[in-house]
Amino acid sequence: MAEVETQGSGQVERIADRALFRVVYTERAKDRAGAVTTLTKRIGPVESLLAGDGVQVRDRRLSVHDTWDVKRRSGAQADQSYLIRITDLAVLDDLVAGLVRTEPASLAGPSWELADRDDAMRQAQREAVAEARRRAEGYANALGRGLGPLLRLRDGLATGQPAPFGANRMPAPAGGAPRPDIAELSLEPQWVTVAATCTTTWELPD
């Protein structure tokens, strides 16, 4: 019995409906305890912002270490980092503006996501199988045969490809902390690509 093996791929694009940001706050002092104390006071308003609706803190990490001037200890530094997921994009602009106002050491994002990635993946898989079948039918036709039943199907690499992270260092605002104008930053949801590939084996009847 003859067989034909073909590969197929499918790709689906959807507009993102969730966003990820990374935010880091840093404080320095003469010793570790002092750095942590100052940092704790600093992030109080940040925690209030992150307690709002449509915002999830996916990861929160504290790092404390000594700082050095060449080979001489110069003090200590405390860092608090957050991985934030915004599940309601209606609050994105206000949240980002509020975070910028707290003057983080760094803010990076957004990285775009889909809340329901499974539906997009199923569509990509259907397209992958359909393409593999079309290829197999083409070979069968070239041989003057019909295409028999599917014998085997192997899942290939299936990945989500969100838009890349963008990183922006936030300068300290001059004089007070008015609400920053972020309208020109174009924080509009971007396309997220979900792809699937497969390998299929079909019977080629005599």
N, C-alpha and C. Protein backbone atom coordinates (compact mmCIF):
# COMPACT_ATOMS: atom_id res chain seq x y z
N MET A 1 0.85 -1.20 0.00
CA MET A 1 0.00 0.00 0.00
C MET A 1 0.88 1.25 0.00
N ALA A 2 0.63 2.13 -0.94
CA ALA A 2 1.39 3.37 -1.01
C ALA A 2 0.81 4.42 -0.04
N GLU A 3 1.68 5.29 0.42
CA GLU A 3 1.28 6.36 1.33
C GLU A 3 1.90 7.67 0.86
N VAL A 4 1.29 8.77 1.26
CA VAL A 4 1.86 10.08 1.01
C VAL A 4 1.84 10.87 2.32
N GLU A 5 2.96 11.52 2.62
CA GLU A 5 3.06 12.32 3.84
C GLU A 5 3.17 13.78 3.45
N THR A 6 2.34 14.62 4.04
CA THR A 6 2.36 16.05 3.73
C THR A 6 2.29 16.86 5.02
N GLN A 7 2.71 18.09 4.90
CA GLN A 7 2.65 19.02 6.03
C GLN A 7 1.70 20.17 5.71
N GLY A 8 1.11 20.70 6.75
CA GLY A 8 0.24 21.85 6.58
C GLY A 8 0.46 22.85 7.69
N SER A 9 0.12 24.09 7.42
CA SER A 9 0.25 25.14 8.44
C SER A 9 -0.97 26.05 8.36
N GLY A 10 -1.32 26.59 9.50
CA GLY A 10 -2.44 27.53 9.58
C GLY A 10 -2.06 28.69 10.47
N GLN A 11 -2.58 29.84 10.16
CA GLN A 11 -2.25 31.05 10.92
C GLN A 11 -3.48 31.92 11.06
N VAL A 12 -3.75 32.34 12.27
CA VAL A 12 -4.93 33.16 12.57
C VAL A 12 -4.48 34.42 13.30
N GLU A 13 -5.04 35.55 12.91
CA GLU A 13 -4.74 36.81 13.57
C GLU A 13 -5.99 37.35 14.24
N ARG A 14 -5.82 37.74 15.48
CA ARG A 14 -6.93 38.35 16.24
C ARG A 14 -6.41 39.62 16.93
N ILE A 15 -7.31 40.57 17.14
CA ILE A 15 -6.94 41.78 17.88
C ILE A 15 -6.82 41.43 19.36
N ALA A 16 -5.75 41.83 19.98
CA ALA A 16 -5.51 41.53 21.39
C ALA A 16 -6.58 42.14 22.28
N ASP A 17 -6.88 41.44 23.37
CA ASP A 17 -7.82 41.99 24.34
C ASP A 17 -7.24 41.98 25.76
N ARG A 18 -5.94 41.70 25.89
CA ARG A 18 -5.24 41.82 27.18
C ARG A 18 -3.84 42.36 26.93
N ALA A 19 -3.26 42.96 27.96
CA ALA A 19 -1.93 43.54 27.82
C ALA A 19 -1.09 43.26 29.07
N LEU A 20 0.21 43.07 28.85
CA LEU A 20 1.15 42.84 29.95
C LEU A 20 2.14 44.01 30.01
N PHE A 21 2.46 44.42 31.24
CA PHE A 21 3.49 45.43 31.48
C PHE A 21 4.43 44.94 32.58
N ARG A 22 5.69 45.36 32.48
CA ARG A 22 6.66 45.15 33.55
C ARG A 22 7.06 46.51 34.10
N VAL A 23 7.02 46.64 35.43
CA VAL A 23 7.34 47.90 36.09
C VAL A 23 8.33 47.62 37.22
N VAL A 24 9.33 48.46 37.34
CA VAL A 24 10.35 48.29 38.38
C VAL A 24 10.54 49.61 39.14
N TYR A 25 10.61 49.51 40.46
CA TYR A 25 10.89 50.65 41.33
C TYR A 25 12.18 50.38 42.10
N THR A 26 12.99 51.41 42.25
CA THR A 26 14.30 51.27 42.88
C THR A 26 14.53 52.37 43.90
N GLU A 27 15.08 51.99 45.04
CA GLU A 27 15.48 52.96 46.07
C GLU A 27 16.85 52.56 46.62
N ARG A 28 17.65 53.56 46.97
CA ARG A 28 18.98 53.33 47.55
C ARG A 28 19.10 54.00 48.91
N ALA A 29 19.94 53.43 49.75
CA ALA A 29 20.19 53.97 51.08
C ALA A 29 21.57 53.49 51.55
N LYS A 30 21.93 53.89 52.77
CA LYS A 30 23.25 53.48 53.29
C LYS A 30 23.29 52.00 53.62
N ASP A 31 22.12 51.45 54.02
CA ASP A 31 22.09 50.02 54.36
C ASP A 31 20.83 49.39 53.77
N ARG A 32 20.74 48.07 53.84
CA ARG A 32 19.63 47.36 53.23
C ARG A 32 18.30 47.70 53.89
N ALA A 33 18.30 47.79 55.20
CA ALA A 33 17.06 48.10 55.91
C ALA A 33 16.52 49.46 55.49
N GLY A 34 17.42 50.42 55.35
CA GLY A 34 17.00 51.76 54.94
C GLY A 34 16.44 51.76 53.52
N ALA A 35 17.06 51.01 52.63
CA ALA A 35 16.59 50.95 51.24
C ALA A 35 15.20 50.33 51.17
N VAL A 36 14.98 49.26 51.95
CA VAL A 36 13.68 48.59 51.95
C VAL A 36 12.61 49.50 52.55
N THR A 37 12.95 50.20 53.62
CA THR A 37 11.99 51.10 54.26
C THR A 37 11.54 52.20 53.30
N THR A 38 12.50 52.79 52.60
CA THR A 38 12.18 53.86 51.64
C THR A 38 11.36 53.31 50.49
N LEU A 39 11.71 52.12 50.02
CA LEU A 39 10.97 51.51 48.92
C LEU A 39 9.53 51.20 49.32
N THR A 40 9.34 50.72 50.54
CA THR A 40 8.00 50.40 51.02
C THR A 40 7.09 51.62 50.99
N LYS A 41 7.64 52.77 51.41
CA LYS A 41 6.85 54.00 51.37
C LYS A 41 6.56 54.41 49.92
N ARG A 42 7.51 54.16 49.06
CA ARG A 42 7.39 54.58 47.67
C ARG A 42 6.29 53.83 46.94
N ILE A 43 6.15 52.54 47.22
CA ILE A 43 5.23 51.73 46.42
C ILE A 43 3.81 51.68 46.98
N GLY A 44 3.57 52.38 48.08
CA GLY A 44 2.21 52.43 48.61
C GLY A 44 1.19 52.89 47.58
N PRO A 45 1.41 54.04 46.91
CA PRO A 45 0.47 54.50 45.88
C PRO A 45 0.39 53.53 44.69
N VAL A 46 1.50 52.83 44.43
CA VAL A 46 1.51 51.88 43.32
C VAL A 46 0.54 50.73 43.61
N GLU A 47 0.60 50.20 44.83
CA GLU A 47 -0.28 49.09 45.19
C GLU A 47 -1.75 49.51 45.09
N SER A 48 -2.04 50.75 45.39
CA SER A 48 -3.41 51.24 45.27
C SER A 48 -3.86 51.24 43.82
N LEU A 49 -2.97 51.66 42.92
CA LEU A 49 -3.31 51.65 41.50
C LEU A 49 -3.58 50.23 41.00
N LEU A 50 -2.78 49.30 41.48
CA LEU A 50 -2.88 47.93 40.99
C LEU A 50 -4.05 47.16 41.58
N ALA A 51 -4.72 47.76 42.55
CA ALA A 51 -5.88 47.11 43.17
C ALA A 51 -7.18 47.38 42.41
N GLY A 52 -7.10 48.15 41.33
CA GLY A 52 -8.29 48.53 40.59
C GLY A 52 -8.86 47.38 39.76
N ASP A 53 -10.08 47.55 39.30
CA ASP A 53 -10.73 46.55 38.45
C ASP A 53 -10.00 46.43 37.12
N GLY A 54 -9.97 45.22 36.58
CA GLY A 54 -9.35 45.00 35.29
C GLY A 54 -7.84 44.92 35.32
N VAL A 55 -7.26 44.82 36.53
CA VAL A 55 -5.80 44.77 36.67
C VAL A 55 -5.43 43.56 37.52
N GLN A 56 -4.48 42.77 37.06
CA GLN A 56 -3.98 41.63 37.81
C GLN A 56 -2.47 41.75 37.97
N VAL A 57 -1.98 41.51 39.19
CA VAL A 57 -0.53 41.43 39.40
C VAL A 57 -0.15 39.96 39.26
N ARG A 58 0.51 39.63 38.17
CA ARG A 58 0.89 38.25 37.89
C ARG A 58 2.16 37.84 38.61
N ASP A 59 3.01 38.80 38.93
CA ASP A 59 4.26 38.50 39.62
C ASP A 59 4.73 39.75 40.35
N ARG A 60 5.17 39.57 41.57
CA ARG A 60 5.66 40.67 42.39
C ARG A 60 6.95 40.19 43.07
N ARG A 61 8.07 40.88 42.82
CA ARG A 61 9.35 40.41 43.35
C ARG A 61 10.15 41.52 44.00
N LEU A 62 10.77 41.19 45.13
CA LEU A 62 11.63 42.11 45.85
C LEU A 62 13.07 41.64 45.74
N SER A 63 13.97 42.58 45.44
CA SER A 63 15.39 42.27 45.38
C SER A 63 16.15 43.31 46.20
N VAL A 64 17.02 42.84 47.10
CA VAL A 64 17.82 43.73 47.94
C VAL A 64 19.28 43.31 47.84
N HIS A 65 20.15 44.28 47.58
CA HIS A 65 21.57 43.95 47.43
C HIS A 65 22.45 45.16 47.73
N ASP A 66 23.72 44.90 47.97
CA ASP A 66 24.68 45.97 48.19
C ASP A 66 25.03 46.65 46.87
N THR A 67 25.42 47.91 46.95
CA THR A 67 25.95 48.62 45.78
C THR A 67 27.43 48.89 46.03
N TRP A 68 28.18 48.96 44.93
CA TRP A 68 29.64 49.06 45.05
C TRP A 68 30.17 50.19 44.18
N ASP A 69 31.18 50.86 44.68
CA ASP A 69 31.94 51.86 43.95
C ASP A 69 33.32 51.27 43.72
N VAL A 70 33.49 50.66 42.55
CA VAL A 70 34.68 49.87 42.25
C VAL A 70 34.74 48.70 43.22
N LYS A 71 35.68 48.70 44.17
CA LYS A 71 35.79 47.59 45.11
C LYS A 71 35.31 47.96 46.51
N ARG A 72 34.71 49.11 46.64
CA ARG A 72 34.28 49.60 47.95
C ARG A 72 32.76 49.65 48.02
N ARG A 73 32.20 49.07 49.10
CA ARG A 73 30.75 49.10 49.27
C ARG A 73 30.29 50.53 49.47
N SER A 74 29.27 50.94 48.67
CA SER A 74 28.81 52.33 48.74
C SER A 74 27.43 52.46 49.37
N GLY A 75 26.75 51.32 49.60
CA GLY A 75 25.41 51.39 50.18
C GLY A 75 24.61 50.17 49.81
N ALA A 76 23.29 50.35 49.71
CA ALA A 76 22.41 49.23 49.39
C ALA A 76 21.29 49.70 48.47
N GLN A 77 20.73 48.75 47.76
CA GLN A 77 19.64 49.06 46.82
C GLN A 77 18.53 48.03 46.97
N ALA A 78 17.29 48.52 46.92
CA ALA A 78 16.11 47.64 46.98
C ALA A 78 15.27 47.88 45.73
N ASP A 79 14.87 46.79 45.08
CA ASP A 79 14.05 46.87 43.87
C ASP A 79 12.76 46.09 44.07
N GLN A 80 11.67 46.65 43.61
CA GLN A 80 10.39 45.94 43.58
C GLN A 80 9.93 45.90 42.12
N SER A 81 9.73 44.69 41.59
CA SER A 81 9.29 44.56 40.21
C SER A 81 7.90 43.94 40.16
N TYR A 82 7.15 44.34 39.14
CA TYR A 82 5.79 43.84 38.94
C TYR A 82 5.62 43.37 37.50
N LEU A 83 4.91 42.27 37.34
CA LEU A 83 4.38 41.87 36.04
C LEU A 83 2.88 42.05 36.12
N ILE A 84 2.36 42.97 35.33
CA ILE A 84 0.96 43.39 35.43
C ILE A 84 0.21 42.97 34.18
N ARG A 85 -0.94 42.34 34.37
CA ARG A 85 -1.82 42.00 33.25
C ARG A 85 -3.05 42.90 33.32
N ILE A 86 -3.36 43.55 32.23
CA ILE A 86 -4.56 44.38 32.14
C ILE A 86 -5.61 43.58 31.36
N THR A 87 -6.66 43.19 32.04
CA THR A 87 -7.70 42.36 31.42
C THR A 87 -8.86 43.19 30.87
N ASP A 88 -8.93 44.46 31.24
CA ASP A 88 -9.94 45.37 30.71
C ASP A 88 -9.20 46.55 30.08
N LEU A 89 -9.11 46.55 28.75
CA LEU A 89 -8.31 47.57 28.08
C LEU A 89 -8.89 48.97 28.21
N ALA A 90 -10.11 49.07 28.72
CA ALA A 90 -10.69 50.39 28.95
C ALA A 90 -9.94 51.16 30.03
N VAL A 91 -9.23 50.44 30.92
CA VAL A 91 -8.50 51.12 32.01
C VAL A 91 -7.04 51.30 31.66
N LEU A 92 -6.60 50.87 30.48
CA LEU A 92 -5.17 50.87 30.15
C LEU A 92 -4.56 52.27 30.20
N ASP A 93 -5.16 53.23 29.51
CA ASP A 93 -4.56 54.57 29.46
C ASP A 93 -4.43 55.19 30.84
N ASP A 94 -5.49 55.11 31.66
CA ASP A 94 -5.45 55.71 32.99
C ASP A 94 -4.42 55.01 33.87
N LEU A 95 -4.32 53.68 33.74
CA LEU A 95 -3.36 52.95 34.57
C LEU A 95 -1.93 53.31 34.18
N VAL A 96 -1.64 53.33 32.89
CA VAL A 96 -0.29 53.67 32.46
C VAL A 96 0.07 55.09 32.87
N ALA A 97 -0.87 56.01 32.71
CA ALA A 97 -0.61 57.39 33.13
C ALA A 97 -0.34 57.45 34.63
N GLY A 98 -1.12 56.69 35.41
CA GLY A 98 -0.90 56.67 36.86
C GLY A 98 0.45 56.08 37.23
N LEU A 99 0.85 55.03 36.54
CA LEU A 99 2.15 54.40 36.82
C LEU A 99 3.30 55.34 36.47
N VAL A 100 3.19 56.01 35.34
CA VAL A 100 4.24 56.96 34.96
C VAL A 100 4.38 58.07 36.00
N ARG A 101 3.24 58.48 36.56
CA ARG A 101 3.25 59.53 37.57
C ARG A 101 3.99 59.11 38.84
N THR A 102 4.05 57.80 39.10
CA THR A 102 4.79 57.31 40.28
C THR A 102 6.28 57.20 40.02
N GLU A 103 6.73 57.57 38.83
CA GLU A 103 8.14 57.62 38.45
C GLU A 103 8.89 56.30 38.68
N PRO A 104 8.49 55.25 37.99
CA PRO A 104 9.22 53.99 38.13
C PRO A 104 10.62 54.10 37.53
N ALA A 105 11.51 53.22 37.98
CA ALA A 105 12.84 53.17 37.37
C ALA A 105 12.74 52.72 35.92
N SER A 106 11.80 51.82 35.63
CA SER A 106 11.56 51.40 34.25
C SER A 106 10.14 50.89 34.11
N LEU A 107 9.61 51.05 32.92
CA LEU A 107 8.29 50.53 32.57
C LEU A 107 8.39 49.99 31.16
N ALA A 108 8.02 48.74 30.96
CA ALA A 108 8.11 48.12 29.64
C ALA A 108 6.78 47.50 29.27
N GLY A 109 6.35 47.72 28.05
CA GLY A 109 5.11 47.15 27.57
C GLY A 109 4.43 48.10 26.59
N PRO A 110 3.27 47.72 26.11
CA PRO A 110 2.58 46.46 26.42
C PRO A 110 3.04 45.30 25.55
N SER A 111 2.88 44.10 26.10
CA SER A 111 2.95 42.88 25.33
C SER A 111 1.52 42.36 25.23
N TRP A 112 1.05 42.15 24.00
CA TRP A 112 -0.37 41.90 23.78
C TRP A 112 -0.69 40.41 23.84
N GLU A 113 -1.88 40.10 24.36
CA GLU A 113 -2.34 38.72 24.54
C GLU A 113 -3.80 38.58 24.10
N LEU A 114 -4.22 37.31 23.98
CA LEU A 114 -5.62 36.98 23.76
C LEU A 114 -6.17 36.30 25.00
N ALA A 115 -7.36 36.70 25.43
CA ALA A 115 -7.99 36.04 26.57
C ALA A 115 -8.41 34.62 26.20
N ASP A 116 -8.94 34.43 24.99
CA ASP A 116 -9.36 33.11 24.52
C ASP A 116 -8.47 32.71 23.35
N ARG A 117 -7.33 32.18 23.67
CA ARG A 117 -6.38 31.75 22.63
C ARG A 117 -6.80 30.40 22.04
N ASP A 118 -7.56 29.60 22.79
CA ASP A 118 -7.94 28.27 22.32
C ASP A 118 -8.77 28.33 21.05
N ASP A 119 -9.71 29.28 20.97
CA ASP A 119 -10.56 29.38 19.79
C ASP A 119 -9.72 29.68 18.54
N ALA A 120 -8.76 30.60 18.68
CA ALA A 120 -7.88 30.93 17.56
C ALA A 120 -7.01 29.72 17.19
N MET A 121 -6.55 28.99 18.20
CA MET A 121 -5.72 27.81 17.92
C MET A 121 -6.52 26.75 17.16
N ARG A 122 -7.77 26.53 17.54
CA ARG A 122 -8.59 25.53 16.84
C ARG A 122 -8.76 25.90 15.37
N GLN A 123 -8.96 27.19 15.09
CA GLN A 123 -9.10 27.62 13.70
C GLN A 123 -7.79 27.42 12.94
N ALA A 124 -6.67 27.74 13.57
CA ALA A 124 -5.37 27.55 12.92
C ALA A 124 -5.12 26.07 12.64
N GLN A 125 -5.54 25.21 13.56
CA GLN A 125 -5.37 23.77 13.35
C GLN A 125 -6.22 23.28 12.18
N ARG A 126 -7.46 23.79 12.07
CA ARG A 126 -8.30 23.40 10.93
C ARG A 126 -7.66 23.81 9.61
N GLU A 127 -7.07 25.00 9.58
CA GLU A 127 -6.42 25.46 8.36
C GLU A 127 -5.19 24.62 8.05
N ALA A 128 -4.46 24.21 9.09
CA ALA A 128 -3.27 23.39 8.88
C ALA A 128 -3.64 22.03 8.28
N VAL A 129 -4.68 21.40 8.82
CA VAL A 129 -5.11 20.10 8.30
C VAL A 129 -5.64 20.24 6.88
N ALA A 130 -6.38 21.30 6.62
CA ALA A 130 -6.92 21.51 5.28
C ALA A 130 -5.80 21.67 4.25
N GLU A 131 -4.76 22.40 4.62
CA GLU A 131 -3.64 22.59 3.69
C GLU A 131 -2.92 21.27 3.45
N ALA A 132 -2.71 20.49 4.54
CA ALA A 132 -2.05 19.19 4.39
C ALA A 132 -2.86 18.28 3.46
N ARG A 133 -4.17 18.33 3.57
CA ARG A 133 -5.03 17.51 2.70
C ARG A 133 -4.93 17.97 1.25
N ARG A 134 -4.94 19.27 1.03
CA ARG A 134 -4.84 19.79 -0.35
C ARG A 134 -3.52 19.34 -0.99
N ARG A 135 -2.45 19.36 -0.22
CA ARG A 135 -1.16 18.92 -0.75
C ARG A 135 -1.20 17.43 -1.12
N ALA A 136 -1.80 16.65 -0.21
CA ALA A 136 -1.89 15.21 -0.46
C ALA A 136 -2.74 14.93 -1.70
N GLU A 137 -3.85 15.67 -1.85
CA GLU A 137 -4.71 15.49 -3.03
C GLU A 137 -3.95 15.84 -4.31
N GLY A 138 -3.09 16.85 -4.22
CA GLY A 138 -2.31 17.24 -5.39
C GLY A 138 -1.36 16.13 -5.82
N TYR A 139 -0.69 15.48 -4.84
CA TYR A 139 0.20 14.37 -5.18
C TYR A 139 -0.57 13.18 -5.73
N ALA A 140 -1.72 12.90 -5.10
CA ALA A 140 -2.54 11.78 -5.57
C ALA A 140 -3.00 12.02 -7.00
N ASN A 141 -3.40 13.24 -7.31
CA ASN A 141 -3.84 13.58 -8.66
C ASN A 141 -2.70 13.45 -9.66
N ALA A 142 -1.49 13.85 -9.21
CA ALA A 142 -0.33 13.76 -10.11
C ALA A 142 -0.01 12.31 -10.45
N LEU A 143 -0.35 11.39 -9.55
CA LEU A 143 -0.10 9.97 -9.77
C LEU A 143 -1.28 9.26 -10.43
N GLY A 144 -2.35 10.03 -10.68
CA GLY A 144 -3.53 9.43 -11.28
C GLY A 144 -4.30 8.55 -10.31
N ARG A 145 -4.23 8.87 -9.03
CA ARG A 145 -4.93 8.08 -8.02
C ARG A 145 -5.88 8.97 -7.22
N GLY A 146 -6.76 8.31 -6.49
CA GLY A 146 -7.58 9.03 -5.54
C GLY A 146 -6.88 9.06 -4.19
N LEU A 147 -7.32 9.95 -3.33
CA LEU A 147 -6.73 10.03 -1.99
C LEU A 147 -7.53 9.17 -1.03
N GLY A 148 -6.83 8.27 -0.33
CA GLY A 148 -7.49 7.40 0.63
C GLY A 148 -7.66 8.07 1.98
N PRO A 149 -7.99 7.29 3.01
CA PRO A 149 -8.24 7.86 4.33
C PRO A 149 -6.95 8.32 5.01
N LEU A 150 -7.13 9.16 6.02
CA LEU A 150 -6.01 9.62 6.83
C LEU A 150 -5.52 8.46 7.71
N LEU A 151 -4.21 8.22 7.69
CA LEU A 151 -3.64 7.14 8.49
C LEU A 151 -3.02 7.65 9.78
N ARG A 152 -2.32 8.77 9.70
CA ARG A 152 -1.65 9.32 10.89
C ARG A 152 -1.64 10.84 10.81
N LEU A 153 -1.68 11.46 11.97
CA LEU A 153 -1.56 12.92 12.06
C LEU A 153 -0.66 13.23 13.25
N ARG A 154 0.38 14.00 12.98
CA ARG A 154 1.31 14.39 14.06
C ARG A 154 1.29 15.90 14.20
N ASP A 155 1.12 16.34 15.45
CA ASP A 155 1.09 17.78 15.74
C ASP A 155 2.48 18.36 15.58
N GLY A 156 2.56 19.48 14.87
CA GLY A 156 3.83 20.18 14.74
C GLY A 156 3.94 21.26 15.79
N LEU A 157 4.86 22.20 15.57
CA LEU A 157 5.05 23.29 16.51
C LEU A 157 3.84 24.21 16.45
N ALA A 158 3.23 24.46 17.61
CA ALA A 158 2.09 25.36 17.70
C ALA A 158 2.43 26.45 18.67
N THR A 159 2.48 27.68 18.20
CA THR A 159 2.93 28.78 19.06
C THR A 159 2.04 29.99 18.89
N GLY A 160 1.94 30.78 19.97
CA GLY A 160 1.34 32.10 19.88
C GLY A 160 2.46 33.11 19.72
N GLN A 161 2.27 34.12 18.89
CA GLN A 161 3.30 35.08 18.60
C GLN A 161 2.79 36.48 18.90
N PRO A 162 2.82 36.90 20.16
CA PRO A 162 2.33 38.24 20.47
C PRO A 162 3.26 39.31 19.93
N ALA A 163 2.73 40.50 19.80
CA ALA A 163 3.56 41.62 19.38
C ALA A 163 4.70 41.79 20.37
N PRO A 164 5.89 42.18 19.92
CA PRO A 164 7.06 42.25 20.81
C PRO A 164 6.92 43.31 21.89
N PHE A 165 7.63 43.04 22.99
CA PHE A 165 7.68 43.99 24.08
C PHE A 165 8.38 45.25 23.61
N GLY A 166 7.84 46.41 24.01
CA GLY A 166 8.56 47.66 23.82
C GLY A 166 8.98 48.16 25.19
N ALA A 167 10.11 48.80 25.29
CA ALA A 167 10.62 49.26 26.58
C ALA A 167 10.85 50.76 26.53
N ASN A 168 10.43 51.44 27.56
CA ASN A 168 10.63 52.87 27.65
C ASN A 168 11.11 53.25 29.04
N ARG A 169 12.22 53.94 29.10
CA ARG A 169 12.69 54.49 30.37
C ARG A 169 11.90 55.74 30.66
N MET A 170 11.42 55.84 31.91
CA MET A 170 10.55 56.96 32.26
C MET A 170 11.34 58.07 32.95
N PRO A 171 11.52 59.21 32.31
CA PRO A 171 12.22 60.31 32.97
C PRO A 171 11.37 60.93 34.05
N ALA A 172 12.00 61.46 35.06
CA ALA A 172 11.27 62.12 36.14
C ALA A 172 10.65 63.40 35.60
N PRO A 173 9.36 63.65 35.85
CA PRO A 173 8.75 64.86 35.35
C PRO A 173 9.28 66.08 36.08
N ALA A 174 9.37 67.19 35.38
CA ALA A 174 9.89 68.41 35.99
C ALA A 174 8.77 69.14 36.69
N GLY A 175 8.96 69.37 37.97
CA GLY A 175 8.02 70.16 38.75
C GLY A 175 6.67 69.52 38.93
N GLY A 176 6.48 68.83 40.04
CA GLY A 176 5.21 68.19 40.31
C GLY A 176 5.02 66.94 39.47
N ALA A 177 3.80 66.39 39.52
CA ALA A 177 3.54 65.17 38.76
C ALA A 177 2.16 65.23 38.13
N PRO A 178 1.98 66.08 37.10
CA PRO A 178 0.69 66.13 36.41
C PRO A 178 0.46 64.85 35.65
N ARG A 179 -0.81 64.62 35.28
CA ARG A 179 -1.11 63.42 34.50
C ARG A 179 -0.41 63.51 33.17
N PRO A 180 0.49 62.57 32.87
CA PRO A 180 1.22 62.63 31.60
C PRO A 180 0.28 62.40 30.43
N ASP A 181 0.58 63.07 29.32
CA ASP A 181 -0.20 62.91 28.11
C ASP A 181 0.36 61.73 27.33
N ILE A 182 -0.38 60.61 27.30
CA ILE A 182 0.11 59.42 26.62
C ILE A 182 -0.68 59.15 25.34
N ALA A 183 -1.48 60.12 24.92
CA ALA A 183 -2.34 59.91 23.76
C ALA A 183 -1.54 59.59 22.51
N GLU A 184 -0.35 60.19 22.38
CA GLU A 184 0.45 59.99 21.17
C GLU A 184 1.31 58.73 21.22
N LEU A 185 1.24 57.96 22.31
CA LEU A 185 2.04 56.74 22.40
C LEU A 185 1.42 55.57 21.64
N SER A 186 0.19 55.75 21.18
CA SER A 186 -0.47 54.72 20.35
C SER A 186 -0.53 53.37 21.04
N LEU A 187 -1.08 53.36 22.26
CA LEU A 187 -1.21 52.10 22.99
C LEU A 187 -2.50 51.38 22.60
N GLU A 188 -2.73 51.29 21.30
CA GLU A 188 -3.91 50.61 20.80
C GLU A 188 -3.63 49.11 20.70
N PRO A 189 -4.65 48.27 20.95
CA PRO A 189 -4.44 46.82 20.84
C PRO A 189 -3.90 46.44 19.46
N GLN A 190 -2.94 45.54 19.45
CA GLN A 190 -2.33 45.10 18.20
C GLN A 190 -2.80 43.69 17.85
N TRP A 191 -2.42 43.25 16.66
CA TRP A 191 -2.76 41.91 16.23
C TRP A 191 -1.88 40.89 16.94
N VAL A 192 -2.49 39.77 17.32
CA VAL A 192 -1.77 38.63 17.87
C VAL A 192 -1.92 37.47 16.90
N THR A 193 -0.82 36.85 16.53
CA THR A 193 -0.83 35.74 15.58
C THR A 193 -0.73 34.41 16.31
N VAL A 194 -1.63 33.50 16.00
CA VAL A 194 -1.60 32.15 16.55
C VAL A 194 -1.41 31.20 15.38
N ALA A 195 -0.37 30.34 15.46
CA ALA A 195 -0.03 29.46 14.33
C ALA A 195 0.00 28.01 14.76
N ALA A 196 -0.28 27.12 13.81
CA ALA A 196 -0.23 25.67 14.06
C ALA A 196 0.31 24.98 12.81
N THR A 197 1.06 23.90 13.01
CA THR A 197 1.53 23.07 11.90
C THR A 197 1.24 21.61 12.22
N CYS A 198 1.12 20.80 11.18
CA CYS A 198 0.88 19.37 11.39
C CYS A 198 1.51 18.57 10.26
N THR A 199 1.75 17.31 10.53
CA THR A 199 2.23 16.37 9.52
C THR A 199 1.20 15.25 9.40
N THR A 200 0.76 14.99 8.19
CA THR A 200 -0.29 13.98 7.97
C THR A 200 0.21 12.89 7.03
N THR A 201 -0.32 11.69 7.20
CA THR A 201 -0.02 10.56 6.30
C THR A 201 -1.34 9.99 5.79
N TRP A 202 -1.43 9.89 4.46
CA TRP A 202 -2.67 9.46 3.81
C TRP A 202 -2.41 8.19 2.98
N GLU A 203 -3.42 7.38 2.85
CA GLU A 203 -3.32 6.19 2.02
C GLU A 203 -3.54 6.57 0.55
N LEU A 204 -2.77 5.95 -0.33
CA LEU A 204 -2.95 6.12 -1.77
C LEU A 204 -3.40 4.78 -2.36
N PRO A 205 -4.68 4.60 -2.51
CA PRO A 205 -5.18 3.33 -3.04
C PRO A 205 -4.64 3.05 -4.44
N ASP A 206 -4.45 1.79 -4.77
CA ASP A 206 -4.00 1.39 -6.11
C ASP A 206 -5.10 1.67 -7.13
